[in-house]
């Protein structure tokens, strides 16, 4: 049981980092849309944002970071649990 929880936690961490990376990557622009003036990370809640024009306006939202991580962990756990 402990091994399974550790494995689920590692998978959730990898998925969390991948989602966070993709939310940042979209702000740099793609061939389909222009880059954004605001860099933000996090889905479904934005836990970090920064304006490109002046780097004085940055902000971490640790509560949203924890909530995002918990949402991902719960989703991975539920999917893994009901997979069988």
PDB file of N, CA and C in Angstrom:
ATOM      1  N   UNK A   1       0.811  -1.196   0.000  1.00  0.00           N
ATOM      2  CA  UNK A   1       0.000   0.000   0.000  1.00  0.00           C
ATOM      3  C   UNK A   1       0.856   1.263   0.000  1.00  0.00           C
ATOM      4  N   UNK A   2       1.934   1.266   0.795  1.00  0.00           N
ATOM      5  CA  UNK A   2       2.825   2.424   0.859  1.00  0.00           C
ATOM      6  C   UNK A   2       3.524   2.628  -0.479  1.00  0.00           C
ATOM      7  N   UNK A   3       3.951   1.523  -1.107  1.00  0.00           N
ATOM      8  CA  UNK A   3       4.601   1.632  -2.418  1.00  0.00           C
ATOM      9  C   UNK A   3       3.655   2.227  -3.446  1.00  0.00           C
ATOM     10  N   UNK A   4       2.390   1.825  -3.364  1.00  0.00           N
ATOM     11  CA  UNK A   4       1.401   2.338  -4.307  1.00  0.00           C
ATOM     12  C   UNK A   4       1.179   3.841  -4.109  1.00  0.00           C
ATOM     13  N   UNK A   5       1.117   4.292  -2.861  1.00  0.00           N
ATOM     14  CA  UNK A   5       0.945   5.720  -2.586  1.00  0.00           C
ATOM     15  C   UNK A   5       2.159   6.536  -3.028  1.00  0.00           C
ATOM     16  N   UNK A   6       3.351   5.975  -2.816  1.00  0.00           N
ATOM     17  CA  UNK A   6       4.561   6.660  -3.278  1.00  0.00           C
ATOM     18  C   UNK A   6       4.571   6.749  -4.793  1.00  0.00           C
ATOM     19  N   UNK A   7       4.202   5.672  -5.464  1.00  0.00           N
ATOM     20  CA  UNK A   7       4.154   5.677  -6.923  1.00  0.00           C
ATOM     21  C   UNK A   7       3.131   6.687  -7.426  1.00  0.00           C
ATOM     22  N   UNK A   8       1.947   6.722  -6.820  1.00  0.00           N
ATOM     23  CA  UNK A   8       0.911   7.679  -7.216  1.00  0.00           C
ATOM     24  C   UNK A   8       1.398   9.107  -6.989  1.00  0.00           C
ATOM     25  N   UNK A   9       2.103   9.347  -5.896  1.00  0.00           N
ATOM     26  CA  UNK A   9       2.627  10.676  -5.613  1.00  0.00           C
ATOM     27  C   UNK A   9       3.665  11.089  -6.652  1.00  0.00           C
ATOM     28  N   UNK A  10       4.539  10.183  -7.045  1.00  0.00           N
ATOM     29  CA  UNK A  10       5.550  10.490  -8.063  1.00  0.00           C
ATOM     30  C   UNK A  10       4.887  10.779  -9.402  1.00  0.00           C
ATOM     31  N   UNK A  11       3.899  10.000  -9.771  1.00  0.00           N
ATOM     32  CA  UNK A  11       3.177  10.244 -11.026  1.00  0.00           C
ATOM     33  C   UNK A  11       2.468  11.588 -10.971  1.00  0.00           C
ATOM     34  N   UNK A  12       1.858  11.921  -9.835  1.00  0.00           N
ATOM     35  CA  UNK A  12       1.168  13.200  -9.689  1.00  0.00           C
ATOM     36  C   UNK A  12       2.142  14.369  -9.783  1.00  0.00           C
ATOM     37  N   UNK A  13       3.336  14.218  -9.220  1.00  0.00           N
ATOM     38  CA  UNK A  13       4.346  15.276  -9.309  1.00  0.00           C
ATOM     39  C   UNK A  13       4.763  15.493 -10.755  1.00  0.00           C
ATOM     40  N   UNK A  14       4.986  14.417 -11.485  1.00  0.00           N
ATOM     41  CA  UNK A  14       5.378  14.535 -12.890  1.00  0.00           C
ATOM     42  C   UNK A  14       4.267  15.195 -13.698  1.00  0.00           C
ATOM     43  N   UNK A  15       3.033  14.810 -13.474  1.00  0.00           N
ATOM     44  CA  UNK A  15       1.907  15.419 -14.196  1.00  0.00           C
ATOM     45  C   UNK A  15       1.765  16.888 -13.823  1.00  0.00           C
ATOM     46  N   UNK A  16       1.940  17.222 -12.536  1.00  0.00           N
ATOM     47  CA  UNK A  16       1.859  18.611 -12.097  1.00  0.00           C
ATOM     48  C   UNK A  16       2.915  19.464 -12.784  1.00  0.00           C
ATOM     49  N   UNK A  17       4.158  18.979 -12.836  1.00  0.00           N
ATOM     50  CA  UNK A  17       5.221  19.729 -13.502  1.00  0.00           C
ATOM     51  C   UNK A  17       4.959  19.871 -14.992  1.00  0.00           C
ATOM     52  N   UNK A  18       4.424  18.840 -15.623  1.00  0.00           N
ATOM     53  CA  UNK A  18       4.126  18.911 -17.051  1.00  0.00           C
ATOM     54  C   UNK A  18       3.032  19.943 -17.334  1.00  0.00           C
ATOM     55  N   UNK A  19       1.984  19.942 -16.536  1.00  0.00           N
ATOM     56  CA  UNK A  19       0.905  20.918 -16.726  1.00  0.00           C
ATOM     57  C   UNK A  19       1.425  22.330 -16.473  1.00  0.00           C
ATOM     58  N   UNK A  20       2.229  22.509 -15.441  1.00  0.00           N
ATOM     59  CA  UNK A  20       2.788  23.833 -15.148  1.00  0.00           C
ATOM     60  C   UNK A  20       3.685  24.305 -16.289  1.00  0.00           C
ATOM     61  N   UNK A  21       4.498  23.411 -16.829  1.00  0.00           N
ATOM     62  CA  UNK A  21       5.367  23.772 -17.945  1.00  0.00           C
ATOM     63  C   UNK A  21       4.553  24.170 -19.167  1.00  0.00           C
ATOM     64  N   UNK A  22       3.488  23.428 -19.452  1.00  0.00           N
ATOM     65  CA  UNK A  22       2.669  23.754 -20.612  1.00  0.00           C
ATOM     66  C   UNK A  22       1.951  25.084 -20.449  1.00  0.00           C
ATOM     67  N   UNK A  23       1.516  25.419 -19.237  1.00  0.00           N
ATOM     68  CA  UNK A  23       0.861  26.709 -19.039  1.00  0.00           C
ATOM     69  C   UNK A  23       1.834  27.866 -19.221  1.00  0.00           C
ATOM     70  N   UNK A  24       3.093  27.673 -18.861  1.00  0.00           N
ATOM     71  CA  UNK A  24       4.102  28.708 -19.092  1.00  0.00           C
ATOM     72  C   UNK A  24       4.473  28.764 -20.569  1.00  0.00           C
ATOM     73  N   UNK A  25       4.595  27.619 -21.199  1.00  0.00           N
ATOM     74  CA  UNK A  25       4.987  27.555 -22.604  1.00  0.00           C
ATOM     75  C   UNK A  25       3.990  28.262 -23.509  1.00  0.00           C
ATOM     76  N   UNK A  26       2.725  28.170 -23.202  1.00  0.00           N
ATOM     77  CA  UNK A  26       1.682  28.811 -24.009  1.00  0.00           C
ATOM     78  C   UNK A  26       1.839  30.329 -23.979  1.00  0.00           C
ATOM     79  N   UNK A  27       2.315  30.882 -22.874  1.00  0.00           N
ATOM     80  CA  UNK A  27       2.463  32.335 -22.767  1.00  0.00           C
ATOM     81  C   UNK A  27       3.579  32.886 -23.643  1.00  0.00           C
ATOM     82  N   UNK A  28       4.521  32.053 -24.046  1.00  0.00           N
ATOM     83  CA  UNK A  28       5.594  32.521 -24.913  1.00  0.00           C
ATOM     84  C   UNK A  28       5.167  32.632 -26.369  1.00  0.00           C
ATOM     85  N   UNK A  29       4.020  32.114 -26.692  1.00  0.00           N
ATOM     86  CA  UNK A  29       3.500  32.225 -28.048  1.00  0.00           C
ATOM     87  C   UNK A  29       3.789  30.987 -28.867  1.00  0.00           C
ATOM     88  N   UNK A  30       2.919  30.738 -29.793  1.00  0.00           N
ATOM     89  CA  UNK A  30       3.050  29.621 -30.712  1.00  0.00           C
ATOM     90  C   UNK A  30       2.722  30.132 -32.112  1.00  0.00           C
ATOM     91  N   UNK A  31       2.828  29.304 -33.119  1.00  0.00           N
ATOM     92  CA  UNK A  31       2.442  29.757 -34.461  1.00  0.00           C
ATOM     93  C   UNK A  31       0.967  30.128 -34.568  1.00  0.00           C
ATOM     94  N   UNK A  32       0.157  29.719 -33.602  1.00  0.00           N
ATOM     95  CA  UNK A  32      -1.278  29.965 -33.689  1.00  0.00           C
ATOM     96  C   UNK A  32      -1.707  31.269 -33.027  1.00  0.00           C
ATOM     97  N   UNK A  33      -0.940  31.791 -32.064  1.00  0.00           N
ATOM     98  CA  UNK A  33      -1.303  33.044 -31.416  1.00  0.00           C
ATOM     99  C   UNK A  33      -0.057  33.765 -30.931  1.00  0.00           C
ATOM    100  N   UNK A  34      -0.233  35.050 -30.665  1.00  0.00           N
ATOM    101  CA  UNK A  34       0.882  35.906 -30.256  1.00  0.00           C
ATOM    102  C   UNK A  34       1.258  35.661 -28.790  1.00  0.00           C
ATOM    103  N   UNK A  35       2.497  35.995 -28.446  1.00  0.00           N
ATOM    104  CA  UNK A  35       2.888  35.850 -27.042  1.00  0.00           C
ATOM    105  C   UNK A  35       2.089  36.793 -26.142  1.00  0.00           C
ATOM    106  N   UNK A  36       1.926  36.395 -24.923  1.00  0.00           N
ATOM    107  CA  UNK A  36       1.173  37.181 -23.956  1.00  0.00           C
ATOM    108  C   UNK A  36       2.093  38.154 -23.238  1.00  0.00           C
ATOM    109  N   UNK A  37       1.534  39.225 -22.699  1.00  0.00           N
ATOM    110  CA  UNK A  37       2.318  40.179 -21.909  1.00  0.00           C
ATOM    111  C   UNK A  37       2.472  39.708 -20.459  1.00  0.00           C
ATOM    112  N   UNK A  38       1.706  38.704 -20.093  1.00  0.00           N
ATOM    113  CA  UNK A  38       1.730  38.202 -18.727  1.00  0.00           C
ATOM    114  C   UNK A  38       2.151  36.736 -18.739  1.00  0.00           C
ATOM    115  N   UNK A  39       3.140  36.428 -17.943  1.00  0.00           N
ATOM    116  CA  UNK A  39       3.566  35.047 -17.764  1.00  0.00           C
ATOM    117  C   UNK A  39       2.853  34.497 -16.545  1.00  0.00           C
ATOM    118  N   UNK A  40       2.066  33.452 -16.732  1.00  0.00           N
ATOM    119  CA  UNK A  40       1.395  32.853 -15.586  1.00  0.00           C
ATOM    120  C   UNK A  40       1.557  31.348 -15.636  1.00  0.00           C
ATOM    121  N   UNK A  41       1.579  30.765 -14.462  1.00  0.00           N
ATOM    122  CA  UNK A  41       1.748  29.321 -14.335  1.00  0.00           C
ATOM    123  C   UNK A  41       0.649  28.789 -13.440  1.00  0.00           C
ATOM    124  N   UNK A  42       0.157  27.620 -13.817  1.00  0.00           N
ATOM    125  CA  UNK A  42      -0.832  26.965 -12.993  1.00  0.00           C
ATOM    126  C   UNK A  42      -2.136  26.710 -13.711  1.00  0.00           C
ATOM    127  N   UNK A  43      -2.698  25.554 -13.442  1.00  0.00           N
ATOM    128  CA  UNK A  43      -4.003  25.201 -13.954  1.00  0.00           C
ATOM    129  C   UNK A  43      -4.664  24.283 -12.942  1.00  0.00           C
ATOM    130  N   UNK A  44      -5.834  24.492 -12.514  1.00  0.00           N
ATOM    131  CA  UNK A  44      -6.857  25.453 -12.908  1.00  0.00           C
ATOM    132  C   UNK A  44      -6.702  26.813 -12.242  1.00  0.00           C
ATOM    133  N   UNK A  45      -5.886  26.926 -11.194  1.00  0.00           N
ATOM    134  CA  UNK A  45      -5.647  28.215 -10.553  1.00  0.00           C
ATOM    135  C   UNK A  45      -4.252  28.703 -10.895  1.00  0.00           C
ATOM    136  N   UNK A  46      -4.119  29.996 -11.152  1.00  0.00           N
ATOM    137  CA  UNK A  46      -2.812  30.573 -11.439  1.00  0.00           C
ATOM    138  C   UNK A  46      -2.089  30.832 -10.134  1.00  0.00           C
ATOM    139  N   UNK A  47      -0.961  30.135  -9.937  1.00  0.00           N
ATOM    140  CA  UNK A  47      -0.219  30.303  -8.698  1.00  0.00           C
ATOM    141  C   UNK A  47       1.018  31.174  -8.846  1.00  0.00           C
ATOM    142  N   UNK A  48       1.331  31.607 -10.069  1.00  0.00           N
ATOM    143  CA  UNK A  48       2.445  32.531 -10.290  1.00  0.00           C
ATOM    144  C   UNK A  48       2.135  33.372 -11.507  1.00  0.00           C
ATOM    145  N   UNK A  49       2.400  34.680 -11.409  1.00  0.00           N
ATOM    146  CA  UNK A  49       2.261  35.540 -12.580  1.00  0.00           C
ATOM    147  C   UNK A  49       3.299  36.642 -12.541  1.00  0.00           C
ATOM    148  N   UNK A  50       3.693  37.063 -13.745  1.00  0.00           N
ATOM    149  CA  UNK A  50       4.701  38.107 -13.878  1.00  0.00           C
ATOM    150  C   UNK A  50       4.427  38.858 -15.172  1.00  0.00           C
ATOM    151  N   UNK A  51       4.554  40.173 -15.123  1.00  0.00           N
ATOM    152  CA  UNK A  51       4.387  41.003 -16.314  1.00  0.00           C
ATOM    153  C   UNK A  51       5.720  41.101 -17.028  1.00  0.00           C
ATOM    154  N   UNK A  52       5.704  40.958 -18.348  1.00  0.00           N
ATOM    155  CA  UNK A  52       6.945  41.035 -19.110  1.00  0.00           C
ATOM    156  C   UNK A  52       7.465  42.469 -19.230  1.00  0.00           C
ATOM    157  N   UNK A  53       6.578  43.445 -19.203  1.00  0.00           N
ATOM    158  CA  UNK A  53       7.002  44.821 -19.420  1.00  0.00           C
ATOM    159  C   UNK A  53       7.827  45.366 -18.262  1.00  0.00           C
ATOM    160  N   UNK A  54       7.414  45.102 -17.052  1.00  0.00           N
ATOM    161  CA  UNK A  54       8.208  45.490 -15.893  1.00  0.00           C
ATOM    162  C   UNK A  54       8.200  44.327 -14.908  1.00  0.00           C
ATOM    163  N   UNK A  55       9.380  43.922 -14.538  1.00  0.00           N
ATOM    164  CA  UNK A  55       9.510  42.728 -13.715  1.00  0.00           C
ATOM    165  C   UNK A  55       9.288  43.019 -12.227  1.00  0.00           C
ATOM    166  N   UNK A  56       8.763  44.214 -11.941  1.00  0.00           N
ATOM    167  CA  UNK A  56       8.479  44.553 -10.549  1.00  0.00           C
ATOM    168  C   UNK A  56       7.163  43.948 -10.083  1.00  0.00           C
ATOM    169  N   UNK A  57       6.313  43.584 -11.008  1.00  0.00           N
ATOM    170  CA  UNK A  57       5.007  43.041 -10.659  1.00  0.00           C
ATOM    171  C   UNK A  57       5.018  41.527 -10.811  1.00  0.00           C
ATOM    172  N   UNK A  58       5.467  40.870  -9.792  1.00  0.00           N
ATOM    173  CA  UNK A  58       5.446  39.417  -9.775  1.00  0.00           C
ATOM    174  C   UNK A  58       4.618  38.972  -8.587  1.00  0.00           C
ATOM    175  N   UNK A  59       4.128  37.774  -8.666  1.00  0.00           N
ATOM    176  CA  UNK A  59       3.340  37.321  -7.542  1.00  0.00           C
ATOM    177  C   UNK A  59       3.234  35.818  -7.457  1.00  0.00           C
ATOM    178  N   UNK A  60       3.521  35.310  -6.285  1.00  0.00           N
ATOM    179  CA  UNK A  60       3.297  33.904  -5.965  1.00  0.00           C
ATOM    180  C   UNK A  60       2.031  33.812  -5.141  1.00  0.00           C
ATOM    181  N   UNK A  61       1.255  32.793  -5.386  1.00  0.00           N
ATOM    182  CA  UNK A  61       0.057  32.523  -4.609  1.00  0.00           C
ATOM    183  C   UNK A  61       0.186  31.102  -4.050  1.00  0.00           C
ATOM    184  N   UNK A  62       0.811  30.972  -2.883  1.00  0.00           N
ATOM    185  CA  UNK A  62       1.112  29.635  -2.361  1.00  0.00           C
ATOM    186  C   UNK A  62      -0.127  28.797  -2.081  1.00  0.00           C
ATOM    187  N   UNK A  63      -1.229  29.439  -1.738  1.00  0.00           N
ATOM    188  CA  UNK A  63      -2.455  28.670  -1.494  1.00  0.00           C
ATOM    189  C   UNK A  63      -2.915  28.003  -2.786  1.00  0.00           C
ATOM    190  N   UNK A  64      -2.868  28.742  -3.895  1.00  0.00           N
ATOM    191  CA  UNK A  64      -3.255  28.161  -5.185  1.00  0.00           C
ATOM    192  C   UNK A  64      -2.285  27.071  -5.620  1.00  0.00           C
ATOM    193  N   UNK A  65      -1.014  27.226  -5.290  1.00  0.00           N
ATOM    194  CA  UNK A  65      -0.023  26.195  -5.603  1.00  0.00           C
ATOM    195  C   UNK A  65      -0.362  24.899  -4.877  1.00  0.00           C
ATOM    196  N   UNK A  66      -0.684  25.007  -3.610  1.00  0.00           N
ATOM    197  CA  UNK A  66      -1.039  23.821  -2.830  1.00  0.00           C
ATOM    198  C   UNK A  66      -2.345  23.208  -3.327  1.00  0.00           C
ATOM    199  N   UNK A  67      -3.323  24.065  -3.633  1.00  0.00           N
ATOM    200  CA  UNK A  67      -4.611  23.565  -4.134  1.00  0.00           C
ATOM    201  C   UNK A  67      -4.432  22.866  -5.477  1.00  0.00           C
ATOM    202  N   UNK A  68      -3.646  23.450  -6.377  1.00  0.00           N
ATOM    203  CA  UNK A  68      -3.382  22.802  -7.668  1.00  0.00           C
ATOM    204  C   UNK A  68      -2.713  21.445  -7.485  1.00  0.00           C
ATOM    205  N   UNK A  69      -1.715  21.390  -6.603  1.00  0.00           N
ATOM    206  CA  UNK A  69      -1.022  20.125  -6.356  1.00  0.00           C
ATOM    207  C   UNK A  69      -1.973  19.084  -5.767  1.00  0.00           C
ATOM    208  N   UNK A  70      -2.822  19.501  -4.844  1.00  0.00           N
ATOM    209  CA  UNK A  70      -3.786  18.566  -4.260  1.00  0.00           C
ATOM    210  C   UNK A  70      -4.816  18.075  -5.281  1.00  0.00           C
ATOM    211  N   UNK A  71      -5.265  18.968  -6.133  1.00  0.00           N
ATOM    212  CA  UNK A  71      -6.228  18.566  -7.171  1.00  0.00           C
ATOM    213  C   UNK A  71      -5.617  17.509  -8.082  1.00  0.00           C
ATOM    214  N   UNK A  72      -4.382  17.740  -8.513  1.00  0.00           N
ATOM    215  CA  UNK A  72      -3.706  16.775  -9.391  1.00  0.00           C
ATOM    216  C   UNK A  72      -3.509  15.453  -8.661  1.00  0.00           C
ATOM    217  N   UNK A  73      -3.072  15.506  -7.396  1.00  0.00           N
ATOM    218  CA  UNK A  73      -2.836  14.273  -6.650  1.00  0.00           C
ATOM    219  C   UNK A  73      -4.132  13.498  -6.468  1.00  0.00           C
ATOM    220  N   UNK A  74      -5.219  14.186  -6.135  1.00  0.00           N
ATOM    221  CA  UNK A  74      -6.512  13.510  -5.951  1.00  0.00           C
ATOM    222  C   UNK A  74      -7.002  12.904  -7.260  1.00  0.00           C
ATOM    223  N   UNK A  75      -6.865  13.641  -8.358  1.00  0.00           N
ATOM    224  CA  UNK A  75      -7.286  13.097  -9.657  1.00  0.00           C
ATOM    225  C   UNK A  75      -6.485  11.848 -10.024  1.00  0.00           C
ATOM    226  N   UNK A  76      -5.170  11.903  -9.841  1.00  0.00           N
ATOM    227  CA  UNK A  76      -4.345  10.732 -10.151  1.00  0.00           C
ATOM    228  C   UNK A  76      -4.721   9.570  -9.248  1.00  0.00           C
ATOM    229  N   UNK A  77      -4.944   9.830  -7.959  1.00  0.00           N
ATOM    230  CA  UNK A  77      -5.316   8.769  -7.030  1.00  0.00           C
ATOM    231  C   UNK A  77      -6.648   8.138  -7.409  1.00  0.00           C
ATOM    232  N   UNK A  78      -7.644   8.964  -7.728  1.00  0.00           N
ATOM    233  CA  UNK A  78      -8.968   8.443  -8.088  1.00  0.00           C
ATOM    234  C   UNK A  78      -8.896   7.634  -9.382  1.00  0.00           C
ATOM    235  N   UNK A  79      -8.184   8.145 -10.370  1.00  0.00           N
ATOM    236  CA  UNK A  79      -8.049   7.409 -11.640  1.00  0.00           C
ATOM    237  C   UNK A  79      -7.320   6.095 -11.407  1.00  0.00           C
ATOM    238  N   UNK A  80      -6.255   6.136 -10.621  1.00  0.00           N
ATOM    239  CA  UNK A  80      -5.488   4.912 -10.349  1.00  0.00           C
ATOM    240  C   UNK A  80      -6.320   3.904  -9.548  1.00  0.00           C
ATOM    241  N   UNK A  81      -7.115   4.412  -8.613  1.00  0.00           N
ATOM    242  CA  UNK A  81      -7.920   3.534  -7.759  1.00  0.00           C
ATOM    243  C   UNK A  81      -9.037   2.856  -8.547  1.00  0.00           C
ATOM    244  N   UNK A  82      -9.703   3.615  -9.420  1.00  0.00           N
ATOM    245  CA  UNK A  82     -10.814   3.045 -10.178  1.00  0.00           C
ATOM    246  C   UNK A  82     -10.390   2.406 -11.489  1.00  0.00           C
ATOM    247  N   UNK A  83      -9.104   2.398 -11.743  1.00  0.00           N
ATOM    248  CA  UNK A  83      -8.586   1.779 -12.967  1.00  0.00           C
ATOM    249  C   UNK A  83      -8.853   0.284 -12.974  1.00  0.00           C
ATOM    250  N   UNK A  84      -8.839  -0.328 -11.822  1.00  0.00           N
ATOM    251  CA  UNK A  84      -8.972  -1.780 -11.735  1.00  0.00           C
ATOM    252  C   UNK A  84     -10.396  -2.223 -11.832  1.00  0.00           C
TER     253      UNK A  84
END
